[in-house]
Amino acid sequence: MLEPEAVAETALRLWADRGYSTTSWADLAEATGISSRTLIRHFSAKSAIAWVGVASATVRLRETLSRTDDSNPLSIAVRLAIVDSVSHDPRVQRASTDWLRLIAGEPELSAMASTAYRPWITELAGYIGRRAPEMPDAVARALATAYQAASFAALTEWAEDGGHGSPADAVDAMLRWMDVASRSPEP
């Protein structure tokens, strides 16, 4: 059975060694032990492999938000759920620094960021909208997008600093600077 996270981990190592653009489907097949045909059937493009972890992060975010106590202030609930969506799996954390460097250095992958993060942003915007029903949907989406950008900035900084400590702690520290506006703007 194909495990997308294992394929992504192998691909990241291969791309770090050989370069993203010079690595073919045949190279990926050889490194993963999975035929090119099967890889192509599961991944619409090589670039899709690089974003596999975002789906898992979205699931973790959704699960945490569903268990969140609504008595917590919205900004705290959002921060804690986002921090919880960052993987604590040591295998994922080891691959994260390579992944972040790859995303930053490959224009094809950077260009996919908005599409890759759309489900995560939609999940968070929905939660913010449910907790602050008076907030326009566009504002909830803008806030969720800002949280995603801040989280990604924290992870990128964490990777650039050598990936020491927990990436979740880096995200937590960044998000402590943010606050969700849960009231209507003044006229």
N, C-alpha and C. Protein backbone atom coordinates (compact mmCIF):
# COMPACT_ATOMS: atom_id res chain seq x y z
N MET A 1 0.84 -1.19 0.00
CA MET A 1 0.00 0.00 0.00
C MET A 1 0.88 1.24 0.00
N LEU A 2 0.55 2.19 -0.84
CA LEU A 2 1.31 3.42 -0.96
C LEU A 2 1.04 4.33 0.24
N GLU A 3 2.11 4.75 0.89
CA GLU A 3 2.00 5.69 2.00
C GLU A 3 2.52 7.04 1.53
N PRO A 4 1.63 8.02 1.31
CA PRO A 4 2.06 9.31 0.77
C PRO A 4 3.17 9.99 1.58
N GLU A 5 3.09 9.91 2.91
CA GLU A 5 4.10 10.55 3.74
C GLU A 5 5.48 9.91 3.55
N ALA A 6 5.51 8.58 3.39
CA ALA A 6 6.79 7.89 3.17
C ALA A 6 7.35 8.26 1.79
N VAL A 7 6.49 8.36 0.79
CA VAL A 7 6.93 8.78 -0.54
C VAL A 7 7.51 10.19 -0.46
N ALA A 8 6.79 11.07 0.23
CA ALA A 8 7.25 12.46 0.35
C ALA A 8 8.60 12.54 1.07
N GLU A 9 8.76 11.77 2.13
CA GLU A 9 10.03 11.80 2.87
C GLU A 9 11.18 11.35 1.97
N THR A 10 10.97 10.28 1.21
CA THR A 10 12.00 9.79 0.29
C THR A 10 12.27 10.82 -0.80
N ALA A 11 11.21 11.39 -1.35
CA ALA A 11 11.36 12.40 -2.41
C ALA A 11 12.13 13.61 -1.90
N LEU A 12 11.85 14.04 -0.70
CA LEU A 12 12.56 15.20 -0.14
C LEU A 12 14.05 14.94 -0.02
N ARG A 13 14.39 13.75 0.45
CA ARG A 13 15.83 13.41 0.56
C ARG A 13 16.47 13.39 -0.83
N LEU A 14 15.78 12.79 -1.78
CA LEU A 14 16.29 12.72 -3.15
C LEU A 14 16.44 14.11 -3.74
N TRP A 15 15.44 14.95 -3.58
CA TRP A 15 15.50 16.31 -4.11
C TRP A 15 16.61 17.11 -3.44
N ALA A 16 16.83 16.88 -2.14
CA ALA A 16 17.90 17.59 -1.45
C ALA A 16 19.26 17.17 -2.01
N ASP A 17 19.40 15.90 -2.37
CA ASP A 17 20.67 15.40 -2.92
C ASP A 17 20.88 15.77 -4.38
N ARG A 18 19.83 15.61 -5.20
CA ARG A 18 19.97 15.75 -6.66
C ARG A 18 19.38 17.03 -7.23
N GLY A 19 18.53 17.66 -6.46
CA GLY A 19 17.82 18.82 -6.99
C GLY A 19 16.43 18.42 -7.46
N TYR A 20 15.50 19.31 -7.28
CA TYR A 20 14.11 19.02 -7.63
C TYR A 20 13.92 18.87 -9.13
N SER A 21 14.38 19.85 -9.88
CA SER A 21 14.10 19.86 -11.33
C SER A 21 14.83 18.76 -12.09
N THR A 22 15.93 18.26 -11.53
CA THR A 22 16.69 17.22 -12.24
C THR A 22 16.29 15.80 -11.83
N THR A 23 15.36 15.69 -10.90
CA THR A 23 14.90 14.38 -10.45
C THR A 23 13.66 13.98 -11.27
N SER A 24 13.74 12.84 -11.92
CA SER A 24 12.64 12.37 -12.77
C SER A 24 11.70 11.44 -11.99
N TRP A 25 10.58 11.13 -12.64
CA TRP A 25 9.66 10.14 -12.06
C TRP A 25 10.38 8.79 -11.91
N ALA A 26 11.22 8.45 -12.87
CA ALA A 26 11.97 7.19 -12.79
C ALA A 26 12.89 7.19 -11.58
N ASP A 27 13.52 8.33 -11.30
CA ASP A 27 14.38 8.44 -10.12
C ASP A 27 13.56 8.25 -8.84
N LEU A 28 12.39 8.87 -8.81
CA LEU A 28 11.51 8.72 -7.64
C LEU A 28 11.05 7.27 -7.48
N ALA A 29 10.74 6.63 -8.59
CA ALA A 29 10.31 5.23 -8.55
C ALA A 29 11.42 4.35 -7.99
N GLU A 30 12.63 4.57 -8.47
CA GLU A 30 13.76 3.76 -8.00
C GLU A 30 13.99 3.98 -6.50
N ALA A 31 13.93 5.22 -6.06
CA ALA A 31 14.19 5.54 -4.65
C ALA A 31 13.10 5.02 -3.72
N THR A 32 11.85 5.03 -4.19
CA THR A 32 10.74 4.62 -3.32
C THR A 32 10.39 3.14 -3.45
N GLY A 33 10.83 2.52 -4.56
CA GLY A 33 10.45 1.14 -4.80
C GLY A 33 9.02 1.01 -5.31
N ILE A 34 8.46 2.10 -5.79
CA ILE A 34 7.10 2.13 -6.32
C ILE A 34 7.20 2.53 -7.79
N SER A 35 6.47 1.85 -8.64
CA SER A 35 6.58 2.13 -10.07
C SER A 35 6.20 3.57 -10.40
N SER A 36 6.80 4.08 -11.46
CA SER A 36 6.47 5.44 -11.93
C SER A 36 4.98 5.55 -12.20
N ARG A 37 4.44 4.53 -12.82
CA ARG A 37 3.01 4.52 -13.17
C ARG A 37 2.14 4.68 -11.91
N THR A 38 2.47 3.96 -10.85
CA THR A 38 1.71 4.06 -9.60
C THR A 38 1.88 5.43 -8.97
N LEU A 39 3.10 5.95 -8.98
CA LEU A 39 3.34 7.28 -8.42
C LEU A 39 2.51 8.33 -9.16
N ILE A 40 2.52 8.26 -10.48
CA ILE A 40 1.78 9.24 -11.28
C ILE A 40 0.28 9.10 -11.06
N ARG A 41 -0.19 7.89 -10.83
CA ARG A 41 -1.61 7.68 -10.57
C ARG A 41 -2.02 8.32 -9.23
N HIS A 42 -1.12 8.32 -8.25
CA HIS A 42 -1.44 8.87 -6.93
C HIS A 42 -1.12 10.35 -6.79
N PHE A 43 -0.19 10.84 -7.58
CA PHE A 43 0.23 12.24 -7.50
C PHE A 43 0.11 12.87 -8.88
N SER A 44 -0.67 13.91 -8.99
CA SER A 44 -0.92 14.54 -10.29
C SER A 44 0.33 15.16 -10.89
N ALA A 45 1.29 15.49 -10.04
CA ALA A 45 2.55 16.10 -10.48
C ALA A 45 3.60 15.86 -9.40
N LYS A 46 4.87 15.95 -9.77
CA LYS A 46 5.93 15.82 -8.77
C LYS A 46 5.72 16.82 -7.64
N SER A 47 5.29 18.02 -8.01
CA SER A 47 5.10 19.07 -7.01
C SER A 47 4.05 18.68 -5.96
N ALA A 48 3.07 17.87 -6.32
CA ALA A 48 2.04 17.45 -5.37
C ALA A 48 2.65 16.63 -4.23
N ILE A 49 3.72 15.93 -4.51
CA ILE A 49 4.39 15.13 -3.47
C ILE A 49 4.92 16.03 -2.37
N ALA A 50 5.42 17.19 -2.75
CA ALA A 50 6.01 18.11 -1.77
C ALA A 50 4.99 18.66 -0.78
N TRP A 51 3.71 18.64 -1.15
CA TRP A 51 2.68 19.24 -0.30
C TRP A 51 1.83 18.20 0.44
N VAL A 52 2.25 16.95 0.46
CA VAL A 52 1.49 15.88 1.10
C VAL A 52 1.20 16.18 2.57
N GLY A 53 2.15 16.74 3.27
CA GLY A 53 1.99 16.97 4.71
C GLY A 53 0.91 17.97 5.07
N VAL A 54 0.53 18.82 4.15
CA VAL A 54 -0.50 19.82 4.45
C VAL A 54 -1.86 19.14 4.68
N ALA A 55 -2.14 18.07 3.97
CA ALA A 55 -3.40 17.35 4.18
C ALA A 55 -3.47 16.79 5.59
N SER A 56 -2.38 16.23 6.07
CA SER A 56 -2.35 15.69 7.43
C SER A 56 -2.50 16.81 8.46
N ALA A 57 -1.84 17.94 8.19
CA ALA A 57 -1.96 19.09 9.10
C ALA A 57 -3.40 19.60 9.14
N THR A 58 -4.08 19.56 7.99
CA THR A 58 -5.48 20.00 7.94
C THR A 58 -6.36 19.06 8.76
N VAL A 59 -6.11 17.78 8.69
CA VAL A 59 -6.87 16.81 9.50
C VAL A 59 -6.63 17.07 10.98
N ARG A 60 -5.37 17.28 11.36
CA ARG A 60 -5.07 17.56 12.78
C ARG A 60 -5.74 18.86 13.23
N LEU A 61 -5.74 19.88 12.36
CA LEU A 61 -6.40 21.15 12.69
C LEU A 61 -7.90 20.93 12.89
N ARG A 62 -8.53 20.24 11.96
CA ARG A 62 -9.98 19.96 12.04
C ARG A 62 -10.31 19.22 13.34
N GLU A 63 -9.54 18.18 13.64
CA GLU A 63 -9.81 17.39 14.84
C GLU A 63 -9.66 18.21 16.10
N THR A 64 -8.62 19.02 16.15
CA THR A 64 -8.41 19.85 17.34
C THR A 64 -9.51 20.89 17.48
N LEU A 65 -9.88 21.54 16.37
CA LEU A 65 -10.96 22.53 16.44
C LEU A 65 -12.27 21.90 16.88
N SER A 66 -12.53 20.67 16.48
CA SER A 66 -13.79 20.02 16.86
C SER A 66 -13.83 19.70 18.35
N ARG A 67 -12.67 19.59 18.98
CA ARG A 67 -12.60 19.30 20.42
C ARG A 67 -12.40 20.55 21.26
N THR A 68 -12.28 21.70 20.62
CA THR A 68 -11.95 22.93 21.32
C THR A 68 -13.12 23.43 22.15
N ASP A 69 -12.81 23.81 23.37
CA ASP A 69 -13.80 24.35 24.29
C ASP A 69 -14.10 25.80 23.88
N ASP A 70 -15.37 26.07 23.57
CA ASP A 70 -15.75 27.41 23.13
C ASP A 70 -15.66 28.45 24.23
N SER A 71 -15.36 28.03 25.45
CA SER A 71 -15.19 29.03 26.50
C SER A 71 -13.81 29.69 26.41
N ASN A 72 -12.89 29.08 25.67
CA ASN A 72 -11.59 29.72 25.43
C ASN A 72 -11.78 30.94 24.54
N PRO A 73 -11.07 32.02 24.80
CA PRO A 73 -11.13 33.14 23.87
C PRO A 73 -10.73 32.67 22.47
N LEU A 74 -11.35 33.27 21.46
CA LEU A 74 -11.14 32.84 20.09
C LEU A 74 -9.66 32.83 19.70
N SER A 75 -8.93 33.87 20.04
CA SER A 75 -7.52 33.93 19.64
C SER A 75 -6.71 32.80 20.27
N ILE A 76 -7.02 32.43 21.49
CA ILE A 76 -6.30 31.35 22.16
C ILE A 76 -6.69 30.01 21.54
N ALA A 77 -7.97 29.81 21.29
CA ALA A 77 -8.44 28.57 20.68
C ALA A 77 -7.79 28.37 19.31
N VAL A 78 -7.73 29.43 18.52
CA VAL A 78 -7.12 29.35 17.19
C VAL A 78 -5.63 29.03 17.31
N ARG A 79 -4.93 29.74 18.18
CA ARG A 79 -3.49 29.51 18.34
C ARG A 79 -3.21 28.07 18.76
N LEU A 80 -3.92 27.59 19.75
CA LEU A 80 -3.67 26.23 20.24
C LEU A 80 -3.97 25.18 19.18
N ALA A 81 -5.03 25.39 18.41
CA ALA A 81 -5.37 24.44 17.35
C ALA A 81 -4.31 24.43 16.25
N ILE A 82 -3.83 25.61 15.88
CA ILE A 82 -2.80 25.68 14.85
C ILE A 82 -1.52 25.01 15.33
N VAL A 83 -1.13 25.30 16.55
CA VAL A 83 0.08 24.69 17.11
C VAL A 83 -0.07 23.17 17.12
N ASP A 84 -1.27 22.70 17.47
CA ASP A 84 -1.51 21.26 17.50
C ASP A 84 -1.49 20.66 16.09
N SER A 85 -1.76 21.47 15.08
CA SER A 85 -1.75 20.95 13.71
C SER A 85 -0.33 20.72 13.18
N VAL A 86 0.66 21.30 13.84
CA VAL A 86 2.05 21.07 13.46
C VAL A 86 2.44 19.69 13.97
N SER A 87 2.99 18.88 13.11
CA SER A 87 3.27 17.50 13.46
C SER A 87 4.33 17.40 14.55
N HIS A 88 4.09 16.50 15.46
CA HIS A 88 5.06 16.20 16.51
C HIS A 88 5.80 14.89 16.21
N ASP A 89 5.53 14.33 15.05
CA ASP A 89 6.18 13.10 14.61
C ASP A 89 7.65 13.41 14.31
N PRO A 90 8.59 12.76 14.99
CA PRO A 90 10.02 13.05 14.76
C PRO A 90 10.44 12.88 13.30
N ARG A 91 9.85 11.90 12.60
CA ARG A 91 10.19 11.69 11.19
C ARG A 91 9.79 12.91 10.36
N VAL A 92 8.62 13.45 10.64
CA VAL A 92 8.14 14.62 9.92
C VAL A 92 9.00 15.83 10.26
N GLN A 93 9.34 15.97 11.52
CA GLN A 93 10.16 17.11 11.93
C GLN A 93 11.54 17.07 11.28
N ARG A 94 12.12 15.88 11.14
CA ARG A 94 13.42 15.77 10.46
C ARG A 94 13.32 16.20 9.00
N ALA A 95 12.23 15.85 8.36
CA ALA A 95 12.05 16.19 6.94
C ALA A 95 11.64 17.65 6.75
N SER A 96 11.12 18.28 7.79
CA SER A 96 10.57 19.64 7.66
C SER A 96 11.60 20.67 7.21
N THR A 97 12.81 20.59 7.72
CA THR A 97 13.80 21.59 7.32
C THR A 97 14.11 21.47 5.84
N ASP A 98 14.27 20.24 5.33
CA ASP A 98 14.51 20.05 3.89
C ASP A 98 13.31 20.53 3.09
N TRP A 99 12.11 20.22 3.56
CA TRP A 99 10.90 20.62 2.86
C TRP A 99 10.80 22.14 2.77
N LEU A 100 11.03 22.83 3.87
CA LEU A 100 10.92 24.28 3.87
C LEU A 100 11.97 24.92 2.97
N ARG A 101 13.18 24.40 2.98
CA ARG A 101 14.21 24.92 2.08
C ARG A 101 13.83 24.68 0.62
N LEU A 102 13.29 23.51 0.35
CA LEU A 102 12.87 23.18 -1.01
C LEU A 102 11.76 24.12 -1.49
N ILE A 103 10.75 24.32 -0.66
CA ILE A 103 9.64 25.20 -1.02
C ILE A 103 10.16 26.61 -1.31
N ALA A 104 11.05 27.09 -0.46
CA ALA A 104 11.58 28.44 -0.63
C ALA A 104 12.43 28.57 -1.88
N GLY A 105 13.09 27.49 -2.28
CA GLY A 105 14.04 27.57 -3.39
C GLY A 105 13.51 27.16 -4.75
N GLU A 106 12.34 26.58 -4.81
CA GLU A 106 11.80 26.09 -6.08
C GLU A 106 10.54 26.88 -6.45
N PRO A 107 10.63 27.72 -7.47
CA PRO A 107 9.47 28.53 -7.87
C PRO A 107 8.22 27.71 -8.17
N GLU A 108 8.37 26.54 -8.78
CA GLU A 108 7.21 25.70 -9.09
C GLU A 108 6.47 25.31 -7.82
N LEU A 109 7.22 25.02 -6.77
CA LEU A 109 6.60 24.62 -5.51
C LEU A 109 6.03 25.81 -4.76
N SER A 110 6.74 26.92 -4.76
CA SER A 110 6.23 28.13 -4.12
C SER A 110 4.91 28.56 -4.74
N ALA A 111 4.80 28.41 -6.04
CA ALA A 111 3.59 28.82 -6.75
C ALA A 111 2.38 27.99 -6.34
N MET A 112 2.60 26.80 -5.83
CA MET A 112 1.50 25.92 -5.43
C MET A 112 1.00 26.18 -4.01
N ALA A 113 1.68 27.02 -3.27
CA ALA A 113 1.35 27.21 -1.86
C ALA A 113 -0.11 27.58 -1.62
N SER A 114 -0.64 28.54 -2.38
CA SER A 114 -2.02 28.98 -2.12
C SER A 114 -3.01 27.85 -2.38
N THR A 115 -2.77 27.04 -3.39
CA THR A 115 -3.65 25.90 -3.66
C THR A 115 -3.50 24.83 -2.59
N ALA A 116 -2.27 24.54 -2.21
CA ALA A 116 -2.01 23.50 -1.22
C ALA A 116 -2.61 23.84 0.14
N TYR A 117 -2.55 25.11 0.53
CA TYR A 117 -3.05 25.51 1.84
C TYR A 117 -4.53 25.87 1.86
N ARG A 118 -5.19 25.89 0.70
CA ARG A 118 -6.60 26.29 0.66
C ARG A 118 -7.48 25.48 1.62
N PRO A 119 -7.39 24.14 1.68
CA PRO A 119 -8.25 23.39 2.63
C PRO A 119 -7.98 23.76 4.09
N TRP A 120 -6.71 23.97 4.43
CA TRP A 120 -6.34 24.34 5.80
C TRP A 120 -6.95 25.70 6.14
N ILE A 121 -6.81 26.65 5.23
CA ILE A 121 -7.36 27.99 5.44
C ILE A 121 -8.87 27.94 5.52
N THR A 122 -9.50 27.17 4.67
CA THR A 122 -10.96 27.05 4.67
C THR A 122 -11.45 26.47 6.00
N GLU A 123 -10.75 25.48 6.50
CA GLU A 123 -11.11 24.87 7.79
C GLU A 123 -11.04 25.90 8.91
N LEU A 124 -9.95 26.64 8.96
CA LEU A 124 -9.77 27.63 10.02
C LEU A 124 -10.75 28.78 9.87
N ALA A 125 -10.97 29.24 8.65
CA ALA A 125 -11.93 30.34 8.41
C ALA A 125 -13.33 29.92 8.83
N GLY A 126 -13.71 28.68 8.56
CA GLY A 126 -15.02 28.19 8.98
C GLY A 126 -15.18 28.22 10.49
N TYR A 127 -14.13 27.81 11.19
CA TYR A 127 -14.17 27.83 12.65
C TYR A 127 -14.29 29.26 13.17
N ILE A 128 -13.47 30.14 12.63
CA ILE A 128 -13.51 31.54 13.06
C ILE A 128 -14.90 32.11 12.80
N GLY A 129 -15.46 31.82 11.64
CA GLY A 129 -16.80 32.30 11.31
C GLY A 129 -17.88 31.76 12.23
N ARG A 130 -17.75 30.50 12.64
CA ARG A 130 -18.73 29.91 13.57
C ARG A 130 -18.62 30.55 14.95
N ARG A 131 -17.39 30.83 15.37
CA ARG A 131 -17.18 31.43 16.69
C ARG A 131 -17.53 32.92 16.71
N ALA A 132 -17.42 33.60 15.57
CA ALA A 132 -17.73 35.03 15.48
C ALA A 132 -18.71 35.23 14.32
N PRO A 133 -19.97 34.82 14.52
CA PRO A 133 -20.93 34.83 13.41
C PRO A 133 -21.20 36.22 12.82
N GLU A 134 -20.92 37.27 13.56
CA GLU A 134 -21.13 38.62 13.05
C GLU A 134 -20.02 39.05 12.08
N MET A 135 -18.95 38.30 12.07
CA MET A 135 -17.81 38.63 11.22
C MET A 135 -18.12 38.25 9.77
N PRO A 136 -17.87 39.17 8.84
CA PRO A 136 -18.06 38.81 7.43
C PRO A 136 -17.14 37.64 7.04
N ASP A 137 -17.64 36.79 6.16
CA ASP A 137 -16.87 35.62 5.72
C ASP A 137 -15.50 36.01 5.16
N ALA A 138 -15.46 37.11 4.42
CA ALA A 138 -14.19 37.55 3.84
C ALA A 138 -13.17 37.91 4.92
N VAL A 139 -13.63 38.45 6.03
CA VAL A 139 -12.73 38.79 7.13
C VAL A 139 -12.22 37.51 7.80
N ALA A 140 -13.12 36.55 8.01
CA ALA A 140 -12.70 35.27 8.61
C ALA A 140 -11.66 34.59 7.73
N ARG A 141 -11.87 34.63 6.42
CA ARG A 141 -10.92 34.03 5.48
C ARG A 141 -9.59 34.79 5.50
N ALA A 142 -9.66 36.11 5.56
CA ALA A 142 -8.43 36.91 5.61
C ALA A 142 -7.65 36.61 6.89
N LEU A 143 -8.35 36.47 8.00
CA LEU A 143 -7.66 36.13 9.25
C LEU A 143 -7.02 34.75 9.17
N ALA A 144 -7.76 33.79 8.63
CA ALA A 144 -7.21 32.43 8.50
C ALA A 144 -5.98 32.45 7.60
N THR A 145 -6.03 33.23 6.53
CA THR A 145 -4.89 33.34 5.63
C THR A 145 -3.70 33.98 6.34
N ALA A 146 -3.98 34.99 7.15
CA ALA A 146 -2.90 35.63 7.91
C ALA A 146 -2.28 34.65 8.91
N TYR A 147 -3.10 33.84 9.55
CA TYR A 147 -2.57 32.83 10.47
C TYR A 147 -1.72 31.80 9.74
N GLN A 148 -2.15 31.41 8.55
CA GLN A 148 -1.36 30.46 7.77
C GLN A 148 -0.01 31.08 7.39
N ALA A 149 -0.04 32.33 6.94
CA ALA A 149 1.20 33.01 6.55
C ALA A 149 2.15 33.16 7.75
N ALA A 150 1.60 33.51 8.89
CA ALA A 150 2.44 33.65 10.09
C ALA A 150 3.01 32.31 10.52
N SER A 151 2.21 31.26 10.44
CA SER A 151 2.69 29.92 10.79
C SER A 151 3.81 29.48 9.85
N PHE A 152 3.62 29.72 8.56
CA PHE A 152 4.63 29.34 7.58
C PHE A 152 5.91 30.16 7.79
N ALA A 153 5.76 31.44 8.11
CA ALA A 153 6.92 32.28 8.39
C ALA A 153 7.69 31.75 9.61
N ALA A 154 6.96 31.33 10.63
CA ALA A 154 7.61 30.78 11.82
C ALA A 154 8.35 29.50 11.49
N LEU A 155 7.73 28.64 10.68
CA LEU A 155 8.38 27.38 10.30
C LEU A 155 9.61 27.63 9.43
N THR A 156 9.50 28.59 8.53
CA THR A 156 10.64 28.92 7.67
C THR A 156 11.80 29.45 8.50
N GLU A 157 11.51 30.33 9.44
CA GLU A 157 12.56 30.85 10.32
C GLU A 157 13.18 29.74 11.15
N TRP A 158 12.33 28.84 11.65
CA TRP A 158 12.81 27.70 12.43
C TRP A 158 13.78 26.87 11.59
N ALA A 159 13.42 26.60 10.33
CA ALA A 159 14.29 25.81 9.45
C ALA A 159 15.59 26.54 9.14
N GLU A 160 15.50 27.84 8.87
CA GLU A 160 16.69 28.62 8.56
C GLU A 160 17.65 28.69 9.73
N ASP A 161 17.11 28.60 10.95
CA ASP A 161 17.95 28.60 12.15
C ASP A 161 18.47 27.22 12.49
N GLY A 162 18.29 26.26 11.58
CA GLY A 162 18.84 24.92 11.78
C GLY A 162 17.86 23.89 12.28
N GLY A 163 16.61 24.26 12.47
CA GLY A 163 15.61 23.29 12.90
C GLY A 163 15.81 22.81 14.32
N HIS A 164 16.34 23.66 15.18
CA HIS A 164 16.55 23.28 16.58
C HIS A 164 15.27 23.49 17.36
N GLY A 165 15.00 22.60 18.29
CA GLY A 165 13.78 22.70 19.07
C GLY A 165 12.59 22.20 18.28
N SER A 166 11.44 22.49 18.78
CA SER A 166 10.21 22.01 18.18
C SER A 166 9.65 23.04 17.20
N PRO A 167 9.25 22.59 16.00
CA PRO A 167 8.60 23.53 15.08
C PRO A 167 7.27 24.04 15.65
N ALA A 168 6.60 23.22 16.44
CA ALA A 168 5.34 23.65 17.06
C ALA A 168 5.60 24.80 18.03
N ASP A 169 6.71 24.74 18.76
CA ASP A 169 7.05 25.84 19.67
C ASP A 169 7.35 27.13 18.90
N ALA A 170 7.98 27.00 17.73
CA ALA A 170 8.27 28.17 16.90
C ALA A 170 6.96 28.80 16.42
N VAL A 171 6.01 27.97 16.01
CA VAL A 171 4.72 28.48 15.56
C VAL A 171 3.98 29.13 16.73
N ASP A 172 4.01 28.49 17.88
CA ASP A 172 3.35 29.04 19.07
C ASP A 172 3.91 30.42 19.40
N ALA A 173 5.23 30.55 19.39
CA ALA A 173 5.84 31.84 19.71
C ALA A 173 5.41 32.92 18.73
N MET A 174 5.35 32.58 17.44
CA MET A 174 4.93 33.55 16.43
C MET A 174 3.47 33.95 16.64
N LEU A 175 2.61 32.97 16.85
CA LEU A 175 1.18 33.25 16.94
C LEU A 175 0.77 33.97 18.21
N ARG A 176 1.62 33.92 19.21
CA ARG A 176 1.32 34.69 20.43
C ARG A 176 1.30 36.20 20.15
N TRP A 177 1.89 36.60 19.03
CA TRP A 177 1.89 38.01 18.65
C TRP A 177 0.61 38.40 17.92
N MET A 178 -0.20 37.44 17.56
CA MET A 178 -1.42 37.73 16.80
C MET A 178 -2.66 37.62 17.68
N ASP A 179 -3.70 38.28 17.26
CA ASP A 179 -4.97 38.21 17.99
C ASP A 179 -6.11 38.32 16.99
N VAL A 180 -7.12 37.53 17.15
CA VAL A 180 -8.27 37.59 16.27
C VAL A 180 -9.19 38.70 16.77
N ALA A 181 -9.56 39.57 15.86
CA ALA A 181 -10.53 40.63 16.20
C ALA A 181 -11.90 39.98 16.23
N SER A 182 -12.50 39.92 17.39
CA SER A 182 -13.79 39.22 17.51
C SER A 182 -14.94 40.20 17.71
N ARG A 183 -14.73 41.43 17.35
CA ARG A 183 -15.81 42.41 17.44
C ARG A 183 -15.92 43.14 16.11
N SER A 184 -17.05 43.74 15.91
CA SER A 184 -17.26 44.49 14.67
C SER A 184 -16.39 45.75 14.70
N PRO A 185 -15.92 46.18 13.53
CA PRO A 185 -15.12 47.39 13.50
C PRO A 185 -15.99 48.61 13.86
N GLU A 186 -15.34 49.61 14.41
CA GLU A 186 -16.07 50.83 14.75
C GLU A 186 -16.42 51.56 13.47
N PRO A 187 -17.59 52.23 13.46
CA PRO A 187 -18.00 52.95 12.23
C PRO A 187 -17.09 54.10 11.89
